[in-house]
C-alpha atoms as a PDB file:
ATOM      1  CA  MET A   1    -150.925 112.693  87.319  1.00  0.00           C
ATOM      2  CA  MET A   2    -149.678 115.581  88.398  1.00  0.00           C
ATOM      3  CA  LYS A   3    -149.649 118.506  85.942  1.00  0.00           C
ATOM      4  CA  ASP A   4    -145.925 119.365  84.356  1.00  0.00           C
ATOM      5  CA  PRO A   5    -143.992 117.234  86.780  1.00  0.00           C
ATOM      6  CA  VAL A   6    -140.123 117.780  86.875  1.00  0.00           C
ATOM      7  CA  LEU A   7    -139.418 114.212  87.427  1.00  0.00           C
ATOM      8  CA  GLU A   8    -141.657 111.284  87.390  1.00  0.00           C
ATOM      9  CA  CYS A   9    -140.850 107.489  88.007  1.00  0.00           C
ATOM     10  CA  SER A  10    -142.845 104.497  87.952  1.00  0.00           C
ATOM     11  CA  ASP A  11    -141.722 101.116  89.394  1.00  0.00           C
ATOM     12  CA  LEU A  12    -138.412 102.341  89.673  1.00  0.00           C
ATOM     13  CA  SER A  13    -135.636  99.810  91.194  1.00  0.00           C
ATOM     14  CA  VAL A  14    -131.926 100.842  91.912  1.00  0.00           C
ATOM     15  CA  GLY A  15    -128.935  98.983  93.519  1.00  0.00           C
ATOM     16  CA  TYR A  16    -125.607  98.245  93.749  1.00  0.00           C
ATOM     17  CA  GLY A  17    -124.142  94.633  92.655  1.00  0.00           C
ATOM     18  CA  SER A  18    -126.515  92.187  93.731  1.00  0.00           C
ATOM     19  CA  GLU A  19    -128.246  94.551  96.544  1.00  0.00           C
ATOM     20  CA  ASP A  20    -131.480  96.295  96.053  1.00  0.00           C
ATOM     21  CA  ILE A  21    -131.422  99.802  97.524  1.00  0.00           C
ATOM     22  CA  LEU A  22    -134.974 100.691  96.501  1.00  0.00           C
ATOM     23  CA  THR A  23    -137.701  98.826  94.642  1.00  0.00           C
ATOM     24  CA  LYS A  24    -140.913  99.840  92.763  1.00  0.00           C
ATOM     25  CA  VAL A  25    -140.678 103.517  93.573  1.00  0.00           C
ATOM     26  CA  CYS A  26    -143.786 105.702  92.073  1.00  0.00           C
ATOM     27  CA  LEU A  27    -142.936 109.408  92.324  1.00  0.00           C
ATOM     28  CA  SER A  28    -144.135 112.498  90.832  1.00  0.00           C
ATOM     29  CA  VAL A  29    -142.226 115.901  91.690  1.00  0.00           C
ATOM     30  CA  PRO A  30    -144.015 118.777  90.649  1.00  0.00           C
ATOM     31  CA  ARG A  31    -142.184 122.040  89.064  1.00  0.00           C
ATOM     32  CA  GLY A  32    -141.904 124.360  91.780  1.00  0.00           C
ATOM     33  CA  ALA A  33    -141.689 121.788  94.689  1.00  0.00           C
ATOM     34  CA  PHE A  34    -139.442 122.091  97.979  1.00  0.00           C
ATOM     35  CA  LEU A  35    -139.281 118.744  98.609  1.00  0.00           C
ATOM     36  CA  PRO A  36    -137.108 117.123 101.491  1.00  0.00           C
ATOM     37  CA  LEU A  37    -136.246 113.410 101.345  1.00  0.00           C
ATOM     38  CA  ILE A  38    -136.273 112.098 104.992  1.00  0.00           C
ATOM     39  CA  GLY A  39    -135.371 108.637 106.187  1.00  0.00           C
ATOM     40  CA  PRO A  40    -132.543 106.573 108.096  1.00  0.00           C
ATOM     41  CA  ASN A  41    -129.108 106.308 107.084  1.00  0.00           C
ATOM     42  CA  GLY A  42    -128.386 104.127 104.680  1.00  0.00           C
ATOM     43  CA  SER A  43    -132.153 103.877 103.516  1.00  0.00           C
ATOM     44  CA  GLY A  44    -131.789 105.189  99.809  1.00  0.00           C
ATOM     45  CA  LYS A  45    -132.000 109.052  99.940  1.00  0.00           C
ATOM     46  CA  THR A  46    -128.545 109.365  98.094  1.00  0.00           C
ATOM     47  CA  SER A  47    -129.094 106.764  95.863  1.00  0.00           C
ATOM     48  CA  LEU A  48    -132.869 107.886  94.733  1.00  0.00           C
ATOM     49  CA  LEU A  49    -131.138 111.418  94.205  1.00  0.00           C
ATOM     50  CA  ARG A  50    -128.292 109.870  92.224  1.00  0.00           C
ATOM     51  CA  ALA A  51    -130.736 107.759  90.106  1.00  0.00           C
ATOM     52  CA  PHE A  52    -132.761 111.072  89.304  1.00  0.00           C
ATOM     53  CA  LEU A  53    -129.545 112.703  87.915  1.00  0.00           C
ATOM     54  CA  GLY A  54    -128.838 109.514  85.896  1.00  0.00           C
ATOM     55  CA  LEU A  55    -125.821 108.899  87.826  1.00  0.00           C
ATOM     56  CA  ILE A  56    -126.110 105.335  88.697  1.00  0.00           C
ATOM     57  CA  PRO A  57    -128.288 102.644  86.407  1.00  0.00           C
ATOM     58  CA  LEU A  58    -131.662 101.679  86.862  1.00  0.00           C
ATOM     59  CA  ARG A  59    -132.448  97.918  87.572  1.00  0.00           C
ATOM     60  CA  SER A  60    -136.131  98.506  86.346  1.00  0.00           C
ATOM     61  CA  GLY A  61    -138.939 100.852  85.971  1.00  0.00           C
ATOM     62  CA  ARG A  62    -139.118 103.904  84.048  1.00  0.00           C
ATOM     63  CA  LEU A  63    -137.826 107.621  84.915  1.00  0.00           C
ATOM     64  CA  ARG A  64    -138.781 110.948  82.974  1.00  0.00           C
ATOM     65  CA  ARG A  65    -136.968 113.850  83.549  1.00  0.00           C
ATOM     66  CA  ARG A  66    -138.228 116.983  82.356  1.00  0.00           C
ATOM     67  CA  PHE A  67    -135.172 119.547  83.436  1.00  0.00           C
ATOM     68  CA  GLY A  68    -135.689 122.420  80.886  1.00  0.00           C
ATOM     69  CA  GLU A  69    -132.671 123.778  79.108  1.00  0.00           C
ATOM     70  CA  ALA A  70    -130.047 123.553  81.718  1.00  0.00           C
ATOM     71  CA  PRO A  71    -129.088 120.365  83.603  1.00  0.00           C
ATOM     72  CA  PRO A  72    -130.164 120.310  87.155  1.00  0.00           C
ATOM     73  CA  GLY A  73    -127.549 122.224  89.971  1.00  0.00           C
ATOM     74  CA  TYR A  74    -126.336 119.411  92.101  1.00  0.00           C
ATOM     75  CA  VAL A  75    -124.790 119.914  95.721  1.00  0.00           C
ATOM     76  CA  PRO A  76    -123.182 116.433  96.873  1.00  0.00           C
ATOM     77  CA  GLN A  77    -122.285 115.714 100.295  1.00  0.00           C
ATOM     78  CA  GLN A  78    -119.333 117.569 101.145  1.00  0.00           C
ATOM     79  CA  LYS A  79    -117.088 114.259 102.114  1.00  0.00           C
ATOM     80  CA  GLN A  80    -117.285 113.836  98.463  1.00  0.00           C
ATOM     81  CA  ILE A  81    -115.353 117.018  97.576  1.00  0.00           C
ATOM     82  CA  ASP A  82    -111.364 116.847  98.584  1.00  0.00           C
ATOM     83  CA  PRO A  83    -110.806 119.532 101.035  1.00  0.00           C
ATOM     84  CA  LEU A  84    -107.148 119.230 100.202  1.00  0.00           C
ATOM     85  CA  TYR A  85    -107.513 119.992  96.596  1.00  0.00           C
ATOM     86  CA  PRO A  86    -105.671 123.469  95.797  1.00  0.00           C
ATOM     87  CA  ILE A  87    -108.428 125.121  94.082  1.00  0.00           C
ATOM     88  CA  SER A  88    -109.990 128.647  94.826  1.00  0.00           C
ATOM     89  CA  VAL A  89    -113.526 129.242  95.697  1.00  0.00           C
ATOM     90  CA  ARG A  90    -114.049 131.047  92.370  1.00  0.00           C
ATOM     91  CA  SER A  91    -112.950 128.335  90.517  1.00  0.00           C
ATOM     92  CA  ILE A  92    -115.416 125.930  92.231  1.00  0.00           C
ATOM     93  CA  VAL A  93    -118.289 128.177  91.611  1.00  0.00           C
ATOM     94  CA  SER A  94    -117.373 128.540  87.800  1.00  0.00           C
ATOM     95  CA  MET A  95    -117.484 124.676  87.505  1.00  0.00           C
ATOM     96  CA  GLY A  96    -121.426 125.139  87.245  1.00  0.00           C
ATOM     97  CA  LEU A  97    -120.531 126.527  84.095  1.00  0.00           C
ATOM     98  CA  TYR A  98    -118.686 123.744  82.572  1.00  0.00           C
ATOM     99  CA  PRO A  99    -122.133 121.886  81.034  1.00  0.00           C
ATOM    100  CA  GLU A 100    -122.569 124.883  78.849  1.00  0.00           C
ATOM    101  CA  LEU A 101    -118.805 125.850  78.245  1.00  0.00           C
ATOM    102  CA  GLY A 102    -116.722 122.749  78.451  1.00  0.00           C
ATOM    103  CA  PHE A 103    -113.581 122.536  79.985  1.00  0.00           C
ATOM    104  CA  TRP A 104    -111.044 124.821  78.226  1.00  0.00           C
ATOM    105  CA  ARG A 105    -113.537 127.728  77.042  1.00  0.00           C
ATOM    106  CA  LEU A 106    -112.802 130.997  78.762  1.00  0.00           C
ATOM    107  CA  HIS A 107    -115.944 132.806  80.488  1.00  0.00           C
ATOM    108  CA  ASN A 108    -117.502 135.740  78.709  1.00  0.00           C
ATOM    109  CA  ARG A 109    -118.591 138.874  80.282  1.00  0.00           C
ATOM    110  CA  ASN A 110    -122.188 137.454  81.002  1.00  0.00           C
ATOM    111  CA  GLN A 111    -120.939 134.447  82.672  1.00  0.00           C
ATOM    112  CA  LYS A 112    -118.256 136.489  84.744  1.00  0.00           C
ATOM    113  CA  MET A 113    -121.141 138.297  86.168  1.00  0.00           C
ATOM    114  CA  ARG A 114    -123.367 135.142  86.832  1.00  0.00           C
ATOM    115  CA  ILE A 115    -120.207 134.005  88.972  1.00  0.00           C
ATOM    116  CA  ASP A 116    -119.854 137.484  90.678  1.00  0.00           C
ATOM    117  CA  LYS A 117    -123.871 137.147  91.307  1.00  0.00           C
ATOM    118  CA  ALA A 118    -123.575 133.605  92.724  1.00  0.00           C
ATOM    119  CA  LEU A 119    -120.581 134.577  94.914  1.00  0.00           C
ATOM    120  CA  ASP A 120    -122.455 137.752  96.138  1.00  0.00           C
ATOM    121  CA  ARG A 121    -125.489 135.953  96.887  1.00  0.00           C
ATOM    122  CA  PHE A 122    -123.823 133.839  99.299  1.00  0.00           C
ATOM    123  CA  GLY A 123    -121.439 136.135 100.781  1.00  0.00           C
ATOM    124  CA  LEU A 124    -118.073 134.578  99.147  1.00  0.00           C
ATOM    125  CA  LEU A 125    -116.835 137.650  97.243  1.00  0.00           C
ATOM    126  CA  GLY A 126    -114.576 138.353 100.114  1.00  0.00           C
ATOM    127  CA  HIS A 127    -113.255 134.939  99.695  1.00  0.00           C
ATOM    128  CA  GLN A 128    -113.275 134.054  96.045  1.00  0.00           C
ATOM    129  CA  SER A 129    -109.104 133.617  96.233  1.00  0.00           C
ATOM    130  CA  LYS A 130    -109.287 131.045  99.085  1.00  0.00           C
ATOM    131  CA  THR A 131    -108.956 127.468  98.708  1.00  0.00           C
ATOM    132  CA  PHE A 132    -111.488 125.048  99.731  1.00  0.00           C
ATOM    133  CA  ARG A 133    -109.564 123.653 102.833  1.00  0.00           C
ATOM    134  CA  GLU A 134    -109.148 127.310 104.067  1.00  0.00           C
ATOM    135  CA  LEU A 135    -112.984 127.304 104.800  1.00  0.00           C
ATOM    136  CA  SER A 136    -115.165 126.151 107.769  1.00  0.00           C
ATOM    137  CA  GLU A 137    -117.826 123.851 106.823  1.00  0.00           C
ATOM    138  CA  GLY A 138    -120.497 126.283 106.911  1.00  0.00           C
ATOM    139  CA  MET A 139    -118.275 128.224 104.320  1.00  0.00           C
ATOM    140  CA  ARG A 140    -117.755 125.423 102.007  1.00  0.00           C
ATOM    141  CA  GLN A 141    -121.566 124.491 102.107  1.00  0.00           C
ATOM    142  CA  LYS A 142    -122.121 127.857 100.608  1.00  0.00           C
ATOM    143  CA  VAL A 143    -119.450 127.547  97.961  1.00  0.00           C
ATOM    144  CA  LEU A 144    -121.275 124.297  96.697  1.00  0.00           C
ATOM    145  CA  LEU A 145    -124.617 125.905  96.806  1.00  0.00           C
ATOM    146  CA  ALA A 146    -123.226 128.841  94.714  1.00  0.00           C
ATOM    147  CA  ARG A 147    -121.784 126.420  92.322  1.00  0.00           C
ATOM    148  CA  ALA A 148    -125.268 124.908  91.855  1.00  0.00           C
ATOM    149  CA  PHE A 149    -126.803 128.365  91.472  1.00  0.00           C
ATOM    150  CA  VAL A 150    -124.679 129.819  89.037  1.00  0.00           C
ATOM    151  CA  THR A 151    -126.027 126.911  86.487  1.00  0.00           C
ATOM    152  CA  GLY A 152    -129.121 128.884  86.112  1.00  0.00           C
ATOM    153  CA  SER A 153    -130.993 125.739  86.600  1.00  0.00           C
ATOM    154  CA  ASP A 154    -134.673 125.517  87.667  1.00  0.00           C
ATOM    155  CA  LEU A 155    -133.841 122.428  89.767  1.00  0.00           C
ATOM    156  CA  LEU A 156    -131.401 121.852  92.505  1.00  0.00           C
ATOM    157  CA  ILE A 157    -130.590 118.613  93.890  1.00  0.00           C
ATOM    158  CA  LEU A 158    -129.132 118.601  97.245  1.00  0.00           C
ATOM    159  CA  ASP A 159    -127.595 115.682  99.256  1.00  0.00           C
ATOM    160  CA  GLU A 160    -127.788 116.730 102.793  1.00  0.00           C
ATOM    161  CA  PRO A 161    -126.746 120.143 102.698  1.00  0.00           C
ATOM    162  CA  THR A 162    -127.070 121.010 106.178  1.00  0.00           C
ATOM    163  CA  ALA A 163    -124.887 117.925 107.276  1.00  0.00           C
ATOM    164  CA  GLY A 164    -122.118 118.827 109.903  1.00  0.00           C
ATOM    165  CA  LEU A 165    -123.105 122.527 109.942  1.00  0.00           C
ATOM    166  CA  ASP A 166    -123.661 124.271 113.199  1.00  0.00           C
ATOM    167  CA  ALA A 167    -127.084 125.504 114.102  1.00  0.00           C
ATOM    168  CA  VAL A 168    -126.667 129.224 112.540  1.00  0.00           C
ATOM    169  CA  SER A 169    -124.897 127.823 109.208  1.00  0.00           C
ATOM    170  CA  GLU A 170    -127.832 125.332 108.978  1.00  0.00           C
ATOM    171  CA  ARG A 171    -130.697 128.185 109.411  1.00  0.00           C
ATOM    172  CA  TYR A 172    -128.648 130.313 106.656  1.00  0.00           C
ATOM    173  CA  VAL A 173    -128.280 127.394 104.253  1.00  0.00           C
ATOM    174  CA  LEU A 174    -132.300 126.677 104.870  1.00  0.00           C
ATOM    175  CA  LYS A 175    -133.337 130.269 104.538  1.00  0.00           C
ATOM    176  CA  HIS A 176    -131.483 130.493 101.324  1.00  0.00           C
ATOM    177  CA  LEU A 177    -133.134 127.277  99.793  1.00  0.00           C
ATOM    178  CA  ILE A 178    -136.531 128.486 100.906  1.00  0.00           C
ATOM    179  CA  ASP A 179    -135.901 132.062  99.054  1.00  0.00           C
ATOM    180  CA  LEU A 180    -134.778 130.333  95.792  1.00  0.00           C
ATOM    181  CA  ASN A 181    -137.884 128.106  95.837  1.00  0.00           C
ATOM    182  CA  LYS A 182    -140.349 131.119  96.968  1.00  0.00           C
ATOM    183  CA  ASN A 183    -138.896 134.236  95.261  1.00  0.00           C
ATOM    184  CA  LYS A 184    -137.025 132.586  92.260  1.00  0.00           C
ATOM    185  CA  GLY A 185    -139.213 129.414  91.643  1.00  0.00           C
ATOM    186  CA  LYS A 186    -136.522 126.984  91.978  1.00  0.00           C
ATOM    187  CA  THR A 187    -137.890 123.457  92.317  1.00  0.00           C
ATOM    188  CA  ILE A 188    -135.547 121.948  95.267  1.00  0.00           C
ATOM    189  CA  LEU A 189    -135.041 118.271  96.115  1.00  0.00           C
ATOM    190  CA  LEU A 190    -132.862 117.835  99.131  1.00  0.00           C
ATOM    191  CA  ALA A 191    -131.745 114.448 101.287  1.00  0.00           C
ATOM    192  CA  HIS A 192    -132.302 115.712 104.945  1.00  0.00           C
ATOM    193  CA  HIS A 193    -130.198 114.061 107.486  1.00  0.00           C
ATOM    194  CA  ARG A 194    -132.295 115.273 110.584  1.00  0.00           C
ATOM    195  CA  LEU A 195    -135.658 113.148 111.511  1.00  0.00           C
ATOM    196  CA  GLU A 196    -138.113 115.952 113.000  1.00  0.00           C
ATOM    197  CA  ASP A 197    -141.246 117.670 112.136  1.00  0.00           C
ATOM    198  CA  LEU A 198    -140.542 119.400 108.656  1.00  0.00           C
ATOM    199  CA  SER A 199    -143.866 121.078 108.360  1.00  0.00           C
ATOM    200  CA  HIS A 200    -142.025 124.414 108.871  1.00  0.00           C
ATOM    201  CA  LEU A 201    -140.322 123.705 105.834  1.00  0.00           C
ATOM    202  CA  ALA A 202    -142.395 122.063 103.406  1.00  0.00           C
ATOM    203  CA  GLN A 203    -146.136 120.683 103.253  1.00  0.00           C
ATOM    204  CA  MET A 204    -144.930 117.100 101.798  1.00  0.00           C
ATOM    205  CA  VAL A 205    -141.991 115.138 102.096  1.00  0.00           C
ATOM    206  CA  CYS A 206    -140.627 111.823 100.681  1.00  0.00           C
ATOM    207  CA  LEU A 207    -140.032 109.518 103.506  1.00  0.00           C
ATOM    208  CA  VAL A 208    -137.357 106.755 102.226  1.00  0.00           C
ATOM    209  CA  ASP A 209    -137.375 103.292 104.305  1.00  0.00           C
ATOM    210  CA  GLN A 210    -137.385  99.923 103.674  1.00  0.00           C
ATOM    211  CA  LYS A 211    -136.396 100.157 100.248  1.00  0.00           C
ATOM    212  CA  LYS A 212    -139.593 102.385  99.394  1.00  0.00           C
ATOM    213  CA  ALA A 213    -140.255 106.027  98.910  1.00  0.00           C
ATOM    214  CA  LEU A 214    -143.421 107.740  99.838  1.00  0.00           C
ATOM    215  CA  TYR A 215    -144.723 111.347  99.007  1.00  0.00           C
ATOM    216  CA  LEU A 216    -146.518 112.268 102.077  1.00  0.00           C
ATOM    217  CA  PRO A 217    -147.644 115.214 103.960  1.00  0.00           C
ATOM    218  CA  ALA A 218    -145.245 116.490 106.238  1.00  0.00           C
ATOM    219  CA  THR A 219    -147.284 116.063 109.432  1.00  0.00           C
ATOM    220  CA  GLU A 220    -148.379 112.544 108.324  1.00  0.00           C
ATOM    221  CA  ALA A 221    -144.539 111.450 107.881  1.00  0.00           C
ATOM    222  CA  TRP A 222    -143.712 112.903 111.345  1.00  0.00           C
ATOM    223  CA  LYS A 223    -146.255 110.661 112.844  1.00  0.00           C
ATOM    224  CA  GLN A 224    -144.962 107.903 111.109  1.00  0.00           C
ATOM    225  CA  ILE A 225    -141.329 108.763 112.626  1.00  0.00           C
ATOM    226  CA  GLN A 226    -142.333 109.351 116.188  1.00  0.00           C
ATOM    227  CA  GLY A 227    -141.716 106.287 118.129  1.00  0.00           C
ATOM    228  CA  SER A 228    -139.943 104.408 115.484  1.00  0.00           C
ATOM    229  CA  PHE A 229    -136.673 102.339 115.955  1.00  0.00           C
ATOM    230  CA  TRP A 230    -134.795 104.956 113.739  1.00  0.00           C
ATOM    231  CA  GLU A 231    -135.860 108.225 115.612  1.00  0.00           C
ATOM    232  CA  ALA A 232    -132.974 108.092 117.563  1.00  0.00           C
ATOM    233  CA  GLU A 233    -130.590 108.774 114.581  1.00  0.00           C
ATOM    234  CA  ALA A 234    -131.554 112.427 114.288  1.00  0.00           C
END
């Protein structure tokens, strides 16, 4: 068993209605890991992340969470955020403080500084008064990353954070995530939409397919992907 795993599950099964999405998943995610979740569309990557967060009930099995003092910073898929909602970039980022503040308490000086730091880290200070709908997809993704970062959590869970981004924006986002992992000690779990050799990002990946989730070396997962029927979905 891994020492001090941030997440540990055994015989975990999740689903919706009468349909099983994942069955008998056994995983231990070590603290400080950078772990991409890969697999075909609809394979259950999002469901697994949502189960880790407690957002969907478990059918069976055991799940132990060792998140620490702060809840995980969560970045959902952009399509789950209504771009027409008239709220400023700064307000969206400040939502990351709701678990410690509640909805109605005002930010103190330290919390305002944390918001400023998050905005600055992702190049958003000059855009903080804009609404979400005024931003490009790449900028919107940076806003969601800043909202997760401002929590101060040691664990960030991201659902396809580079989906829909151009190559430049994708590299920017991944660079920041790698930096948060290597230089800030953050544990990073991300569902990754592209099926490719990820050994340049991480040594290990979680391959989600056929209702199973396997913790594999990135090079081994790539061998399994090559030539498979869902490689064309990349």
